[in-house]
Amino acid sequence: MTLRPEYSLVHSEFNNFLFAYVGEEKSGLQLTVLSALARLGLDPWAEAARLSGLTKEAATSALTETISGLPGGDWEAADQRAIAVRLVGFLPRRSGTSAKSPQGDESGGAKSKAAAPSWVPWVMLGAALLLYFLWQQNG
């Protein structure tokens, strides 16, 4: 199964956001958005897609709340919004969907396009089996 382009690490439109530096943890390790979201139990690519579909203000508010849920780092509570503003700047903007979630937009069209070709191998397998059984009866 091939990954959708937005989930591909090589060509993901979310790479700038996901690999952006959030801050330094108390242990001295650098924390990226990707590792921060994963530690909070969120799918980093799905969250990036969701945030990029929001207005900048809504994305900033949501990301500020997410950052506040992280275990302590070198940032102060007062810095969380500034960090979120900087990180939201790395998100790609969706034209025409600034107030909508990308999951809502993809639920119909994208899934039906992706699901349509999945039946082709099954039809081919069925046809091959049918031909094989017909060949066996005649041979």
C-alpha atoms as a PDB file:
ATOM      1  CA  MET A   1       0.000   0.000   0.000  1.00  0.00           C
ATOM      2  CA  THR A   2       1.363   3.390  -0.971  1.00  0.00           C
ATOM      3  CA  LEU A   3       1.319   6.241   1.514  1.00  0.00           C
ATOM      4  CA  ARG A   4      -0.719   9.280   0.632  1.00  0.00           C
ATOM      5  CA  PRO A   5       1.572  12.201  -0.300  1.00  0.00           C
ATOM      6  CA  GLU A   6       0.894  14.150   2.898  1.00  0.00           C
ATOM      7  CA  TYR A   7       2.102  11.162   4.969  1.00  0.00           C
ATOM      8  CA  SER A   8       5.283  10.611   2.964  1.00  0.00           C
ATOM      9  CA  LEU A   9       8.322  11.799   4.892  1.00  0.00           C
ATOM     10  CA  VAL A  10      10.233  12.659   1.743  1.00  0.00           C
ATOM     11  CA  HIS A  11       7.628  14.879   0.103  1.00  0.00           C
ATOM     12  CA  SER A  12       5.249  15.735   2.921  1.00  0.00           C
ATOM     13  CA  GLU A  13       3.912  19.256   2.783  1.00  0.00           C
ATOM     14  CA  PHE A  14       3.970  19.151   6.582  1.00  0.00           C
ATOM     15  CA  ASN A  15       7.724  18.459   7.003  1.00  0.00           C
ATOM     16  CA  ASN A  16       8.622  22.078   7.796  1.00  0.00           C
ATOM     17  CA  PHE A  17       6.004  22.086  10.539  1.00  0.00           C
ATOM     18  CA  LEU A  18       6.559  18.576  11.911  1.00  0.00           C
ATOM     19  CA  PHE A  19      10.335  18.900  12.139  1.00  0.00           C
ATOM     20  CA  ALA A  20      10.276  22.430  13.556  1.00  0.00           C
ATOM     21  CA  TYR A  21      11.944  22.959  16.922  1.00  0.00           C
ATOM     22  CA  VAL A  22       9.507  23.447  19.811  1.00  0.00           C
ATOM     23  CA  GLY A  23      12.043  23.891  22.576  1.00  0.00           C
ATOM     24  CA  GLU A  24      14.524  22.093  24.763  1.00  0.00           C
ATOM     25  CA  GLU A  25      13.379  19.523  27.270  1.00  0.00           C
ATOM     26  CA  LYS A  26      14.683  19.559  30.834  1.00  0.00           C
ATOM     27  CA  SER A  27      16.908  16.622  29.883  1.00  0.00           C
ATOM     28  CA  GLY A  28      18.584  18.835  27.273  1.00  0.00           C
ATOM     29  CA  LEU A  29      17.082  17.095  24.223  1.00  0.00           C
ATOM     30  CA  GLN A  30      15.560  19.173  21.454  1.00  0.00           C
ATOM     31  CA  LEU A  31      11.835  18.622  21.040  1.00  0.00           C
ATOM     32  CA  THR A  32      10.250  18.775  17.570  1.00  0.00           C
ATOM     33  CA  VAL A  33       6.565  19.134  16.784  1.00  0.00           C
ATOM     34  CA  LEU A  34       6.524  15.551  15.508  1.00  0.00           C
ATOM     35  CA  SER A  35       7.852  14.086  18.752  1.00  0.00           C
ATOM     36  CA  ALA A  36       5.702  16.398  20.881  1.00  0.00           C
ATOM     37  CA  LEU A  37       2.493  15.371  19.115  1.00  0.00           C
ATOM     38  CA  ALA A  38       3.440  11.696  19.225  1.00  0.00           C
ATOM     39  CA  ARG A  39       4.138  11.900  22.967  1.00  0.00           C
ATOM     40  CA  LEU A  40       0.675  13.318  23.490  1.00  0.00           C
ATOM     41  CA  GLY A  41      -0.850  10.369  21.626  1.00  0.00           C
ATOM     42  CA  LEU A  42      -1.767  12.405  18.549  1.00  0.00           C
ATOM     43  CA  ASP A  43      -1.111  11.366  14.952  1.00  0.00           C
ATOM     44  CA  PRO A  44       1.368  14.079  13.891  1.00  0.00           C
ATOM     45  CA  TRP A  45       0.350  14.128  10.210  1.00  0.00           C
ATOM     46  CA  ALA A  46      -3.378  14.116  10.962  1.00  0.00           C
ATOM     47  CA  GLU A  47      -2.926  16.920  13.492  1.00  0.00           C
ATOM     48  CA  ALA A  48      -0.829  18.921  11.018  1.00  0.00           C
ATOM     49  CA  ALA A  49      -3.533  18.458   8.370  1.00  0.00           C
ATOM     50  CA  ARG A  50      -6.228  19.493  10.857  1.00  0.00           C
ATOM     51  CA  LEU A  51      -4.325  22.586  11.954  1.00  0.00           C
ATOM     52  CA  SER A  52      -3.524  23.641   8.388  1.00  0.00           C
ATOM     53  CA  GLY A  53      -7.233  23.631   7.608  1.00  0.00           C
ATOM     54  CA  LEU A  54      -7.985  26.099  10.394  1.00  0.00           C
ATOM     55  CA  THR A  55      -7.570  29.850  10.367  1.00  0.00           C
ATOM     56  CA  LYS A  56      -4.209  31.025  11.694  1.00  0.00           C
ATOM     57  CA  GLU A  57      -5.825  32.236  14.910  1.00  0.00           C
ATOM     58  CA  ALA A  58      -7.704  28.972  15.502  1.00  0.00           C
ATOM     59  CA  ALA A  59      -4.596  26.923  14.696  1.00  0.00           C
ATOM     60  CA  THR A  60      -2.530  29.074  17.063  1.00  0.00           C
ATOM     61  CA  SER A  61      -5.063  28.625  19.873  1.00  0.00           C
ATOM     62  CA  ALA A  62      -5.254  24.870  19.322  1.00  0.00           C
ATOM     63  CA  LEU A  63      -1.474  24.514  19.188  1.00  0.00           C
ATOM     64  CA  THR A  64      -1.035  26.680  22.298  1.00  0.00           C
ATOM     65  CA  GLU A  65      -3.350  24.318  24.151  1.00  0.00           C
ATOM     66  CA  THR A  66      -1.412  21.316  22.826  1.00  0.00           C
ATOM     67  CA  ILE A  67       1.909  22.817  23.950  1.00  0.00           C
ATOM     68  CA  SER A  68       0.454  23.460  27.401  1.00  0.00           C
ATOM     69  CA  GLY A  69      -0.183  19.699  27.681  1.00  0.00           C
ATOM     70  CA  LEU A  70       3.494  18.864  27.181  1.00  0.00           C
ATOM     71  CA  PRO A  71       5.647  17.953  30.152  1.00  0.00           C
ATOM     72  CA  GLY A  72       7.903  20.813  31.187  1.00  0.00           C
ATOM     73  CA  GLY A  73      10.586  22.063  28.905  1.00  0.00           C
ATOM     74  CA  ASP A  74      12.718  25.169  28.750  1.00  0.00           C
ATOM     75  CA  TRP A  75       9.680  27.277  27.843  1.00  0.00           C
ATOM     76  CA  GLU A  76       7.541  29.204  30.284  1.00  0.00           C
ATOM     77  CA  ALA A  77       3.745  29.144  30.247  1.00  0.00           C
ATOM     78  CA  ALA A  78       3.839  32.720  28.953  1.00  0.00           C
ATOM     79  CA  ASP A  79       5.967  31.606  25.967  1.00  0.00           C
ATOM     80  CA  GLN A  80       3.553  28.937  24.766  1.00  0.00           C
ATOM     81  CA  ARG A  81       1.522  31.250  22.538  1.00  0.00           C
ATOM     82  CA  ALA A  82       4.654  32.754  20.962  1.00  0.00           C
ATOM     83  CA  ILE A  83       5.938  29.236  20.241  1.00  0.00           C
ATOM     84  CA  ALA A  84       2.582  28.306  18.699  1.00  0.00           C
ATOM     85  CA  VAL A  85       2.540  31.442  16.512  1.00  0.00           C
ATOM     86  CA  ARG A  86       6.027  30.615  15.227  1.00  0.00           C
ATOM     87  CA  LEU A  87       5.130  26.973  14.536  1.00  0.00           C
ATOM     88  CA  VAL A  88       1.843  27.802  12.788  1.00  0.00           C
ATOM     89  CA  GLY A  89       3.930  29.844  10.360  1.00  0.00           C
ATOM     90  CA  PHE A  90       5.423  26.556   9.115  1.00  0.00           C
ATOM     91  CA  LEU A  91       2.022  25.073   8.241  1.00  0.00           C
ATOM     92  CA  PRO A  92       0.901  25.040   4.610  1.00  0.00           C
ATOM     93  CA  ARG A  93      -2.291  27.016   4.141  1.00  0.00           C
ATOM     94  CA  ARG A  94      -5.329  25.404   2.566  1.00  0.00           C
ATOM     95  CA  SER A  95      -7.140  27.666   0.117  1.00  0.00           C
ATOM     96  CA  GLY A  96     -10.878  27.789   0.553  1.00  0.00           C
ATOM     97  CA  THR A  97     -10.899  25.614   3.677  1.00  0.00           C
ATOM     98  CA  SER A  98      -9.613  28.027   6.274  1.00  0.00           C
ATOM     99  CA  ALA A  99     -12.509  27.355   8.644  1.00  0.00           C
ATOM    100  CA  LYS A 100     -13.038  23.673   7.851  1.00  0.00           C
ATOM    101  CA  SER A 101     -11.253  20.569   9.038  1.00  0.00           C
ATOM    102  CA  PRO A 102      -9.500  18.608   6.289  1.00  0.00           C
ATOM    103  CA  GLN A 103     -11.032  15.374   7.595  1.00  0.00           C
ATOM    104  CA  GLY A 104     -14.483  16.709   6.750  1.00  0.00           C
ATOM    105  CA  ASP A 105     -13.419  17.639   3.235  1.00  0.00           C
ATOM    106  CA  GLU A 106     -11.812  14.263   2.525  1.00  0.00           C
ATOM    107  CA  SER A 107     -14.577  12.068   3.868  1.00  0.00           C
ATOM    108  CA  GLY A 108     -16.448  11.856   0.591  1.00  0.00           C
ATOM    109  CA  GLY A 109     -14.431  12.618  -2.487  1.00  0.00           C
ATOM    110  CA  ALA A 110     -10.924  11.509  -1.593  1.00  0.00           C
ATOM    111  CA  LYS A 111     -11.960   8.242   0.006  1.00  0.00           C
ATOM    112  CA  SER A 112     -14.202   7.239  -2.864  1.00  0.00           C
ATOM    113  CA  LYS A 113     -11.411   7.981  -5.366  1.00  0.00           C
ATOM    114  CA  ALA A 114      -8.933   5.935  -3.342  1.00  0.00           C
ATOM    115  CA  ALA A 115     -11.382   3.058  -2.792  1.00  0.00           C
ATOM    116  CA  ALA A 116     -12.450   2.691  -6.438  1.00  0.00           C
ATOM    117  CA  PRO A 117      -9.205   1.131  -7.735  1.00  0.00           C
ATOM    118  CA  SER A 118      -8.941  -1.300  -4.801  1.00  0.00           C
ATOM    119  CA  TRP A 119     -11.533  -3.648  -6.354  1.00  0.00           C
ATOM    120  CA  VAL A 120      -9.562  -4.057  -9.597  1.00  0.00           C
ATOM    121  CA  PRO A 121      -7.104  -6.679  -8.253  1.00  0.00           C
ATOM    122  CA  TRP A 122      -9.994  -8.726  -6.884  1.00  0.00           C
ATOM    123  CA  VAL A 123     -11.760  -8.727 -10.246  1.00  0.00           C
ATOM    124  CA  MET A 124      -8.530  -9.757 -11.951  1.00  0.00           C
ATOM    125  CA  LEU A 125      -7.988 -12.547  -9.434  1.00  0.00           C
ATOM    126  CA  GLY A 126     -11.559 -13.757  -9.922  1.00  0.00           C
ATOM    127  CA  ALA A 127     -11.170 -13.744 -13.697  1.00  0.00           C
ATOM    128  CA  ALA A 128      -7.883 -15.641 -13.446  1.00  0.00           C
ATOM    129  CA  LEU A 129      -9.449 -18.265 -11.179  1.00  0.00           C
ATOM    130  CA  LEU A 130     -12.420 -18.630 -13.507  1.00  0.00           C
ATOM    131  CA  LEU A 131     -10.118 -19.135 -16.495  1.00  0.00           C
ATOM    132  CA  TYR A 132      -8.033 -21.633 -14.535  1.00  0.00           C
ATOM    133  CA  PHE A 133     -11.076 -23.712 -13.548  1.00  0.00           C
ATOM    134  CA  LEU A 134     -12.421 -23.642 -17.128  1.00  0.00           C
ATOM    135  CA  TRP A 135      -9.017 -24.734 -18.410  1.00  0.00           C
ATOM    136  CA  GLN A 136      -8.925 -27.573 -15.854  1.00  0.00           C
ATOM    137  CA  GLN A 137     -12.386 -28.840 -16.945  1.00  0.00           C
ATOM    138  CA  ASN A 138     -11.417 -28.864 -20.621  1.00  0.00           C
ATOM    139  CA  GLY A 139      -7.964 -30.380 -20.101  1.00  0.00           C
END
